[in-house]
Amino acid sequence: MMTSRIAELVNSMLAGEKKSLAQLISLVENDSPALSEIIEIIRPHLGKAYRIGITGPPGGGKSTLVDKLTSTIRSKGLSVGIIAVDPSSPISGGAVLGDRIRMQRHYLDSGVFIRSMASRGSYGGLSKAVQATVNLLDAFGKDVIIIETVGVGQTELSIRGIADIVVLILVPESGDDMQAMKAGLLEIADIIVVNKADHEGAETLAAELRATLGAKPGKSEPSIMTTQAINGVGIEELYEIIDKRRKNH
């Protein structure tokens, strides 16, 4: 693709054209040689968005929580970009789950941009295209960018290098607390959410986490809270914690 075409695409994206944004994301996903040029052009437009990483073991309700959190953020008048990082398809190399059917209601909202991306087996669970896409969404003018990761243990640790704040989602069943501790996820979390709080063991898990993390010297203790994302319970409180940290960022 010619340099003039790249500049044209970027300028169109900076002017608010979603189609150009989508085309640029496709270029970075496909490891285009124009990537460095794209980043160079958008560099002066970076640094405004607040980047939230959502991670945790599979089955914790991350996508449901992202859906509800997005609604809350939009109710505050802020625009949202969502990057949903899925395991790569062994056949196509594309994102297995596509564009998250459960978030479908946000597609009609011009203040929300959603993109599913394949992890493509990269170490850290995040392909290098994710960082570039975060930058594109920042330059596009999104106030908040949510990166929802695959949730495969220690391969999630690279989210710390991309996000301003990391939210770890755990659930009371299936020993996710021990899995997370072994993976080091507890070390990178700013907020730990025990989701499915109506399930047995949720409060016990939250108490165990407080006891464990409160005993660690030399590290600021993460916020620990419970939610029922599917019912929207605790989402406003989660937003308030995130917003407080955003304002202190």
C-alpha atoms as a PDB file:
ATOM      1  CA  MET A   1       0.000   0.000   0.000  1.00  0.00           C
ATOM      2  CA  MET A   2       1.394   3.400  -0.992  1.00  0.00           C
ATOM      3  CA  THR A   3       2.529   5.861   1.649  1.00  0.00           C
ATOM      4  CA  SER A   4       0.049   8.454   0.393  1.00  0.00           C
ATOM      5  CA  ARG A   5      -2.737   5.903   0.840  1.00  0.00           C
ATOM      6  CA  ILE A   6      -1.646   5.236   4.424  1.00  0.00           C
ATOM      7  CA  ALA A   7      -1.599   8.955   5.196  1.00  0.00           C
ATOM      8  CA  GLU A   8      -5.046   9.290   3.627  1.00  0.00           C
ATOM      9  CA  LEU A   9      -6.402   6.423   5.730  1.00  0.00           C
ATOM     10  CA  VAL A  10      -4.905   7.784   8.961  1.00  0.00           C
ATOM     11  CA  ASN A  11      -6.192  11.314   8.322  1.00  0.00           C
ATOM     12  CA  SER A  12      -9.638   9.910   7.583  1.00  0.00           C
ATOM     13  CA  MET A  13      -9.516   7.895  10.822  1.00  0.00           C
ATOM     14  CA  LEU A  14      -8.404  10.957  12.797  1.00  0.00           C
ATOM     15  CA  ALA A  15     -11.386  12.793  11.334  1.00  0.00           C
ATOM     16  CA  GLY A  16     -13.690  10.181  12.880  1.00  0.00           C
ATOM     17  CA  GLU A  17     -14.214   7.712  10.022  1.00  0.00           C
ATOM     18  CA  LYS A  18     -14.861   4.256  11.524  1.00  0.00           C
ATOM     19  CA  LYS A  19     -14.309   2.447   8.248  1.00  0.00           C
ATOM     20  CA  SER A  20     -10.783   3.849   8.011  1.00  0.00           C
ATOM     21  CA  LEU A  21     -10.126   2.826  11.624  1.00  0.00           C
ATOM     22  CA  ALA A  22     -11.241  -0.737  10.822  1.00  0.00           C
ATOM     23  CA  GLN A  23      -9.000  -0.838   7.738  1.00  0.00           C
ATOM     24  CA  LEU A  24      -5.989   0.360   9.720  1.00  0.00           C
ATOM     25  CA  ILE A  25      -6.613  -2.276  12.393  1.00  0.00           C
ATOM     26  CA  SER A  26      -6.713  -4.924   9.656  1.00  0.00           C
ATOM     27  CA  LEU A  27      -3.357  -3.682   8.386  1.00  0.00           C
ATOM     28  CA  VAL A  28      -1.704  -3.968  11.801  1.00  0.00           C
ATOM     29  CA  GLU A  29      -3.298  -7.377  12.376  1.00  0.00           C
ATOM     30  CA  ASN A  30      -1.754  -8.587   9.150  1.00  0.00           C
ATOM     31  CA  ASP A  31       1.669  -7.268  10.176  1.00  0.00           C
ATOM     32  CA  SER A  32       1.734  -4.655   7.437  1.00  0.00           C
ATOM     33  CA  PRO A  33       5.121  -3.080   6.667  1.00  0.00           C
ATOM     34  CA  ALA A  34       3.284   0.239   7.011  1.00  0.00           C
ATOM     35  CA  LEU A  35       2.850  -0.301  10.789  1.00  0.00           C
ATOM     36  CA  SER A  36       5.770   1.921  11.807  1.00  0.00           C
ATOM     37  CA  GLU A  37       4.536   4.667   9.478  1.00  0.00           C
ATOM     38  CA  ILE A  38       1.015   4.447  10.931  1.00  0.00           C
ATOM     39  CA  ILE A  39       2.307   4.689  14.504  1.00  0.00           C
ATOM     40  CA  GLU A  40       4.543   7.628  13.602  1.00  0.00           C
ATOM     41  CA  ILE A  41       1.634   9.605  12.110  1.00  0.00           C
ATOM     42  CA  ILE A  42      -0.706   9.000  15.066  1.00  0.00           C
ATOM     43  CA  ARG A  43       1.936   9.555  17.783  1.00  0.00           C
ATOM     44  CA  PRO A  44       0.959  13.207  18.459  1.00  0.00           C
ATOM     45  CA  HIS A  45      -2.619  12.070  19.080  1.00  0.00           C
ATOM     46  CA  LEU A  46      -1.823   9.492  21.771  1.00  0.00           C
ATOM     47  CA  GLY A  47      -2.111   9.593  25.544  1.00  0.00           C
ATOM     48  CA  LYS A  48      -5.707  10.680  26.115  1.00  0.00           C
ATOM     49  CA  ALA A  49      -7.487   7.330  26.547  1.00  0.00           C
ATOM     50  CA  TYR A  50      -7.667   5.381  29.809  1.00  0.00           C
ATOM     51  CA  ARG A  51      -6.818   1.718  29.203  1.00  0.00           C
ATOM     52  CA  ILE A  52      -8.537  -0.985  31.244  1.00  0.00           C
ATOM     53  CA  GLY A  53      -7.294  -4.572  31.059  1.00  0.00           C
ATOM     54  CA  ILE A  54      -9.847  -7.254  31.947  1.00  0.00           C
ATOM     55  CA  THR A  55      -8.332 -10.677  32.548  1.00  0.00           C
ATOM     56  CA  GLY A  56      -8.826 -13.924  34.449  1.00  0.00           C
ATOM     57  CA  PRO A  57      -9.437 -17.641  33.913  1.00  0.00           C
ATOM     58  CA  PRO A  58     -12.015 -18.754  31.301  1.00  0.00           C
ATOM     59  CA  GLY A  59     -15.620 -19.038  32.439  1.00  0.00           C
ATOM     60  CA  GLY A  60     -15.459 -16.154  34.887  1.00  0.00           C
ATOM     61  CA  GLY A  61     -17.928 -13.962  33.025  1.00  0.00           C
ATOM     62  CA  LYS A  62     -15.407 -11.478  31.621  1.00  0.00           C
ATOM     63  CA  SER A  63     -17.402 -10.676  28.485  1.00  0.00           C
ATOM     64  CA  THR A  64     -20.627 -10.209  30.444  1.00  0.00           C
ATOM     65  CA  LEU A  65     -18.831  -7.860  32.823  1.00  0.00           C
ATOM     66  CA  VAL A  66     -17.309  -5.913  29.906  1.00  0.00           C
ATOM     67  CA  ASP A  67     -20.779  -5.595  28.369  1.00  0.00           C
ATOM     68  CA  LYS A  68     -22.298  -4.192  31.580  1.00  0.00           C
ATOM     69  CA  LEU A  69     -19.290  -2.001  32.362  1.00  0.00           C
ATOM     70  CA  THR A  70     -19.474  -0.516  28.856  1.00  0.00           C
ATOM     71  CA  SER A  71     -23.109   0.451  29.450  1.00  0.00           C
ATOM     72  CA  THR A  72     -22.141   2.154  32.704  1.00  0.00           C
ATOM     73  CA  ILE A  73     -19.236   4.036  31.108  1.00  0.00           C
ATOM     74  CA  ARG A  74     -21.480   5.190  28.257  1.00  0.00           C
ATOM     75  CA  SER A  75     -24.067   6.413  30.773  1.00  0.00           C
ATOM     76  CA  LYS A  76     -21.349   8.794  32.042  1.00  0.00           C
ATOM     77  CA  GLY A  77     -20.990  10.292  28.562  1.00  0.00           C
ATOM     78  CA  LEU A  78     -17.646   8.644  27.774  1.00  0.00           C
ATOM     79  CA  SER A  79     -16.862   6.826  24.519  1.00  0.00           C
ATOM     80  CA  VAL A  80     -15.521   3.264  24.607  1.00  0.00           C
ATOM     81  CA  GLY A  81     -13.265   1.098  22.455  1.00  0.00           C
ATOM     82  CA  ILE A  82     -13.281  -2.654  23.138  1.00  0.00           C
ATOM     83  CA  ILE A  83     -10.631  -5.127  22.032  1.00  0.00           C
ATOM     84  CA  ALA A  84     -11.696  -8.709  22.695  1.00  0.00           C
ATOM     85  CA  VAL A  85      -8.650 -10.966  22.376  1.00  0.00           C
ATOM     86  CA  ASP A  86      -9.682 -14.522  21.559  1.00  0.00           C
ATOM     87  CA  PRO A  87      -7.751 -17.758  21.111  1.00  0.00           C
ATOM     88  CA  SER A  88      -6.692 -18.157  17.496  1.00  0.00           C
ATOM     89  CA  SER A  89      -8.559 -20.550  15.255  1.00  0.00           C
ATOM     90  CA  PRO A  90      -6.224 -23.423  14.283  1.00  0.00           C
ATOM     91  CA  ILE A  91      -7.715 -23.283  10.776  1.00  0.00           C
ATOM     92  CA  SER A  92      -7.992 -19.630   9.828  1.00  0.00           C
ATOM     93  CA  GLY A  93      -5.806 -17.940  12.423  1.00  0.00           C
ATOM     94  CA  GLY A  94      -8.708 -15.591  13.075  1.00  0.00           C
ATOM     95  CA  ALA A  95     -10.573 -14.955  16.310  1.00  0.00           C
ATOM     96  CA  VAL A  96     -12.684 -17.994  17.222  1.00  0.00           C
ATOM     97  CA  LEU A  97     -15.500 -16.127  18.934  1.00  0.00           C
ATOM     98  CA  GLY A  98     -15.911 -13.456  16.287  1.00  0.00           C
ATOM     99  CA  ASP A  99     -17.314 -10.151  17.437  1.00  0.00           C
ATOM    100  CA  ARG A 100     -18.833 -11.258  20.722  1.00  0.00           C
ATOM    101  CA  ILE A 101     -22.523 -11.830  20.101  1.00  0.00           C
ATOM    102  CA  ARG A 102     -23.262 -10.959  23.725  1.00  0.00           C
ATOM    103  CA  MET A 103     -22.139  -7.373  23.083  1.00  0.00           C
ATOM    104  CA  GLN A 104     -24.379  -7.003  20.069  1.00  0.00           C
ATOM    105  CA  ARG A 105     -26.517  -4.236  21.565  1.00  0.00           C
ATOM    106  CA  HIS A 106     -23.516  -1.901  21.604  1.00  0.00           C
ATOM    107  CA  TYR A 107     -23.045  -2.101  17.835  1.00  0.00           C
ATOM    108  CA  LEU A 108     -25.813   0.421  17.258  1.00  0.00           C
ATOM    109  CA  ASP A 109     -24.091   2.868  19.606  1.00  0.00           C
ATOM    110  CA  SER A 110     -21.819   5.223  17.668  1.00  0.00           C
ATOM    111  CA  GLY A 111     -19.863   5.863  20.885  1.00  0.00           C
ATOM    112  CA  VAL A 112     -18.669   2.244  21.061  1.00  0.00           C
ATOM    113  CA  PHE A 113     -16.193   0.485  18.750  1.00  0.00           C
ATOM    114  CA  ILE A 114     -15.704  -3.268  19.191  1.00  0.00           C
ATOM    115  CA  ARG A 115     -13.034  -5.398  17.584  1.00  0.00           C
ATOM    116  CA  SER A 116     -12.256  -9.070  18.177  1.00  0.00           C
ATOM    117  CA  MET A 117      -8.645 -10.044  17.635  1.00  0.00           C
ATOM    118  CA  ALA A 118      -6.846 -13.374  17.609  1.00  0.00           C
ATOM    119  CA  SER A 119      -4.022 -13.937  20.096  1.00  0.00           C
ATOM    120  CA  ARG A 120      -2.239 -15.961  17.378  1.00  0.00           C
ATOM    121  CA  GLY A 121      -0.384 -17.932  20.003  1.00  0.00           C
ATOM    122  CA  SER A 122       1.806 -15.012  21.037  1.00  0.00           C
ATOM    123  CA  TYR A 123       3.543 -15.136  24.384  1.00  0.00           C
ATOM    124  CA  GLY A 124       1.589 -13.103  26.872  1.00  0.00           C
ATOM    125  CA  GLY A 125      -1.745 -13.964  25.251  1.00  0.00           C
ATOM    126  CA  LEU A 126      -1.605 -10.665  23.382  1.00  0.00           C
ATOM    127  CA  SER A 127      -0.357 -10.250  19.838  1.00  0.00           C
ATOM    128  CA  LYS A 128       1.757  -7.178  19.066  1.00  0.00           C
ATOM    129  CA  ALA A 129      -1.166  -5.981  16.962  1.00  0.00           C
ATOM    130  CA  VAL A 130      -3.146  -5.415  20.177  1.00  0.00           C
ATOM    131  CA  GLN A 131      -0.815  -2.629  21.338  1.00  0.00           C
ATOM    132  CA  ALA A 132      -1.036  -0.977  17.910  1.00  0.00           C
ATOM    133  CA  THR A 133      -4.838  -1.281  17.948  1.00  0.00           C
ATOM    134  CA  VAL A 134      -5.000   0.285  21.406  1.00  0.00           C
ATOM    135  CA  ASN A 135      -2.986   3.203  20.010  1.00  0.00           C
ATOM    136  CA  LEU A 136      -5.315   3.519  17.020  1.00  0.00           C
ATOM    137  CA  LEU A 137      -8.373   3.637  19.282  1.00  0.00           C
ATOM    138  CA  ASP A 138      -6.618   6.235  21.441  1.00  0.00           C
ATOM    139  CA  ALA A 139      -5.851   8.390  18.403  1.00  0.00           C
ATOM    140  CA  PHE A 140      -9.409   7.880  17.163  1.00  0.00           C
ATOM    141  CA  GLY A 141     -10.550   9.667  20.301  1.00  0.00           C
ATOM    142  CA  LYS A 142     -11.975   6.960  22.540  1.00  0.00           C
ATOM    143  CA  ASP A 143     -12.082   8.045  26.178  1.00  0.00           C
ATOM    144  CA  VAL A 144     -11.819   4.517  27.575  1.00  0.00           C
ATOM    145  CA  ILE A 145     -10.314   1.428  25.947  1.00  0.00           C
ATOM    146  CA  ILE A 146     -11.136  -2.007  27.370  1.00  0.00           C
ATOM    147  CA  ILE A 147      -8.834  -4.919  26.505  1.00  0.00           C
ATOM    148  CA  GLU A 148     -10.489  -8.242  27.357  1.00  0.00           C
ATOM    149  CA  THR A 149      -7.903 -11.008  27.229  1.00  0.00           C
ATOM    150  CA  VAL A 150      -8.089 -14.737  26.559  1.00  0.00           C
ATOM    151  CA  GLY A 151      -7.706 -15.765  30.189  1.00  0.00           C
ATOM    152  CA  VAL A 152      -5.111 -18.521  29.994  1.00  0.00           C
ATOM    153  CA  GLY A 153      -3.046 -18.194  33.148  1.00  0.00           C
ATOM    154  CA  GLN A 154       0.492 -16.883  33.080  1.00  0.00           C
ATOM    155  CA  THR A 155       0.280 -15.959  29.403  1.00  0.00           C
ATOM    156  CA  GLU A 156      -1.859 -13.004  30.527  1.00  0.00           C
ATOM    157  CA  LEU A 157       0.906 -11.128  32.275  1.00  0.00           C
ATOM    158  CA  SER A 158       1.691  -8.901  29.286  1.00  0.00           C
ATOM    159  CA  ILE A 159      -1.574  -7.000  29.850  1.00  0.00           C
ATOM    160  CA  ARG A 160       0.288  -5.093  32.577  1.00  0.00           C
ATOM    161  CA  GLY A 161       2.434  -3.411  29.933  1.00  0.00           C
ATOM    162  CA  ILE A 162      -0.545  -2.203  27.908  1.00  0.00           C
ATOM    163  CA  ALA A 163      -3.217  -1.251  30.441  1.00  0.00           C
ATOM    164  CA  ASP A 164      -3.311   1.641  32.903  1.00  0.00           C
ATOM    165  CA  ILE A 165      -5.342  -0.542  35.253  1.00  0.00           C
ATOM    166  CA  VAL A 166      -5.797  -4.332  35.401  1.00  0.00           C
ATOM    167  CA  VAL A 167      -9.035  -5.921  36.597  1.00  0.00           C
ATOM    168  CA  LEU A 168      -8.808  -9.635  37.443  1.00  0.00           C
ATOM    169  CA  ILE A 169     -12.076 -11.605  37.336  1.00  0.00           C
ATOM    170  CA  LEU A 170     -12.349 -14.745  39.484  1.00  0.00           C
ATOM    171  CA  VAL A 171     -15.285 -16.984  40.391  1.00  0.00           C
ATOM    172  CA  PRO A 172     -15.796 -19.022  43.571  1.00  0.00           C
ATOM    173  CA  GLU A 173     -15.935 -22.460  41.975  1.00  0.00           C
ATOM    174  CA  SER A 174     -13.159 -24.528  40.360  1.00  0.00           C
ATOM    175  CA  GLY A 175     -10.240 -23.254  42.416  1.00  0.00           C
ATOM    176  CA  ASP A 176      -9.598 -20.214  40.253  1.00  0.00           C
ATOM    177  CA  ASP A 177      -7.971 -18.412  43.181  1.00  0.00           C
ATOM    178  CA  MET A 178      -5.144 -20.956  43.371  1.00  0.00           C
ATOM    179  CA  GLN A 179      -4.764 -21.015  39.595  1.00  0.00           C
ATOM    180  CA  ALA A 180      -4.463 -17.223  39.543  1.00  0.00           C
ATOM    181  CA  MET A 181      -1.956 -17.180  42.402  1.00  0.00           C
ATOM    182  CA  LYS A 182       0.260 -19.709  40.667  1.00  0.00           C
ATOM    183  CA  ALA A 183       0.091 -17.765  37.420  1.00  0.00           C
ATOM    184  CA  GLY A 184       1.078 -14.533  39.077  1.00  0.00           C
ATOM    185  CA  LEU A 185      -2.126 -12.799  38.033  1.00  0.00           C
ATOM    186  CA  LEU A 186      -2.721 -11.632  41.580  1.00  0.00           C
ATOM    187  CA  GLU A 187       0.573  -9.741  41.393  1.00  0.00           C
ATOM    188  CA  ILE A 188      -0.497  -7.592  38.447  1.00  0.00           C
ATOM    189  CA  ALA A 189      -4.116  -6.881  39.448  1.00  0.00           C
ATOM    190  CA  ASP A 190      -5.191  -3.433  40.617  1.00  0.00           C
ATOM    191  CA  ILE A 191      -8.763  -4.599  41.193  1.00  0.00           C
ATOM    192  CA  ILE A 192      -9.881  -8.171  41.886  1.00  0.00           C
ATOM    193  CA  VAL A 193     -13.522  -8.937  41.173  1.00  0.00           C
ATOM    194  CA  VAL A 194     -15.115 -12.092  42.553  1.00  0.00           C
ATOM    195  CA  ASN A 195     -17.912 -12.513  40.024  1.00  0.00           C
ATOM    196  CA  LYS A 196     -20.995 -14.731  40.363  1.00  0.00           C
ATOM    197  CA  ALA A 197     -21.290 -13.478  43.941  1.00  0.00           C
ATOM    198  CA  ASP A 198     -24.611 -15.303  44.332  1.00  0.00           C
ATOM    199  CA  HIS A 199     -22.724 -18.619  44.141  1.00  0.00           C
ATOM    200  CA  GLU A 200     -21.624 -20.420  47.263  1.00  0.00           C
ATOM    201  CA  GLY A 201     -18.108 -19.584  48.346  1.00  0.00           C
ATOM    202  CA  ALA A 202     -17.917 -16.093  46.822  1.00  0.00           C
ATOM    203  CA  GLU A 203     -17.584 -14.212  50.099  1.00  0.00           C
ATOM    204  CA  THR A 204     -15.148 -16.829  51.406  1.00  0.00           C
ATOM    205  CA  LEU A 205     -12.949 -16.375  48.332  1.00  0.00           C
ATOM    206  CA  ALA A 206     -13.051 -12.579  48.699  1.00  0.00           C
ATOM    207  CA  ALA A 207     -12.067 -12.884  52.374  1.00  0.00           C
ATOM    208  CA  GLU A 208      -9.217 -15.286  51.532  1.00  0.00           C
ATOM    209  CA  LEU A 209      -7.907 -12.882  48.911  1.00  0.00           C
ATOM    210  CA  ARG A 210      -8.002  -9.969  51.337  1.00  0.00           C
ATOM    211  CA  ALA A 211      -6.107 -12.004  53.929  1.00  0.00           C
ATOM    212  CA  THR A 212      -3.530 -13.241  51.422  1.00  0.00           C
ATOM    213  CA  LEU A 213      -2.878  -9.927  49.704  1.00  0.00           C
ATOM    214  CA  GLY A 214      -3.038  -7.856  52.879  1.00  0.00           C
ATOM    215  CA  ALA A 215      -0.159  -9.919  54.238  1.00  0.00           C
ATOM    216  CA  LYS A 216       2.194  -9.131  51.334  1.00  0.00           C
ATOM    217  CA  PRO A 217       4.770  -6.523  52.368  1.00  0.00           C
ATOM    218  CA  GLY A 218       5.882  -3.719  50.082  1.00  0.00           C
ATOM    219  CA  LYS A 219       2.969  -3.870  47.664  1.00  0.00           C
ATOM    220  CA  SER A 220      -0.134  -1.712  47.570  1.00  0.00           C
ATOM    221  CA  GLU A 221      -3.178  -3.853  48.209  1.00  0.00           C
ATOM    222  CA  PRO A 222      -5.567  -4.216  45.262  1.00  0.00           C
ATOM    223  CA  SER A 223      -9.239  -3.366  45.635  1.00  0.00           C
ATOM    224  CA  ILE A 224     -11.269  -6.545  46.146  1.00  0.00           C
ATOM    225  CA  MET A 225     -15.006  -6.631  45.466  1.00  0.00           C
ATOM    226  CA  THR A 226     -17.854  -8.924  44.441  1.00  0.00           C
ATOM    227  CA  THR A 227     -20.248  -8.657  41.490  1.00  0.00           C
ATOM    228  CA  GLN A 228     -23.059 -10.477  39.756  1.00  0.00           C
ATOM    229  CA  ALA A 229     -22.293  -9.235  36.252  1.00  0.00           C
ATOM    230  CA  ILE A 230     -25.167 -11.075  34.608  1.00  0.00           C
ATOM    231  CA  ASN A 231     -27.616  -9.160  36.852  1.00  0.00           C
ATOM    232  CA  GLY A 232     -25.670  -5.895  36.763  1.00  0.00           C
ATOM    233  CA  VAL A 233     -24.965  -6.074  40.509  1.00  0.00           C
ATOM    234  CA  GLY A 234     -21.784  -4.310  41.616  1.00  0.00           C
ATOM    235  CA  ILE A 235     -20.975  -2.837  38.191  1.00  0.00           C
ATOM    236  CA  GLU A 236     -21.578   0.772  39.251  1.00  0.00           C
ATOM    237  CA  GLU A 237     -19.318   0.216  42.273  1.00  0.00           C
ATOM    238  CA  LEU A 238     -16.635  -1.277  40.021  1.00  0.00           C
ATOM    239  CA  TYR A 239     -16.860   1.742  37.726  1.00  0.00           C
ATOM    240  CA  GLU A 240     -16.481   4.098  40.701  1.00  0.00           C
ATOM    241  CA  ILE A 241     -13.262   2.349  41.787  1.00  0.00           C
ATOM    242  CA  ILE A 242     -11.920   2.479  38.216  1.00  0.00           C
ATOM    243  CA  ASP A 243     -12.920   6.127  37.805  1.00  0.00           C
ATOM    244  CA  LYS A 244     -11.241   7.120  41.062  1.00  0.00           C
ATOM    245  CA  ARG A 245      -8.011   5.506  39.888  1.00  0.00           C
ATOM    246  CA  ARG A 246      -8.430   7.116  36.454  1.00  0.00           C
ATOM    247  CA  LYS A 247      -8.680  10.582  38.011  1.00  0.00           C
ATOM    248  CA  ASN A 248      -5.546   9.907  40.044  1.00  0.00           C
ATOM    249  CA  HIS A 249      -3.721   8.529  36.998  1.00  0.00           C
END
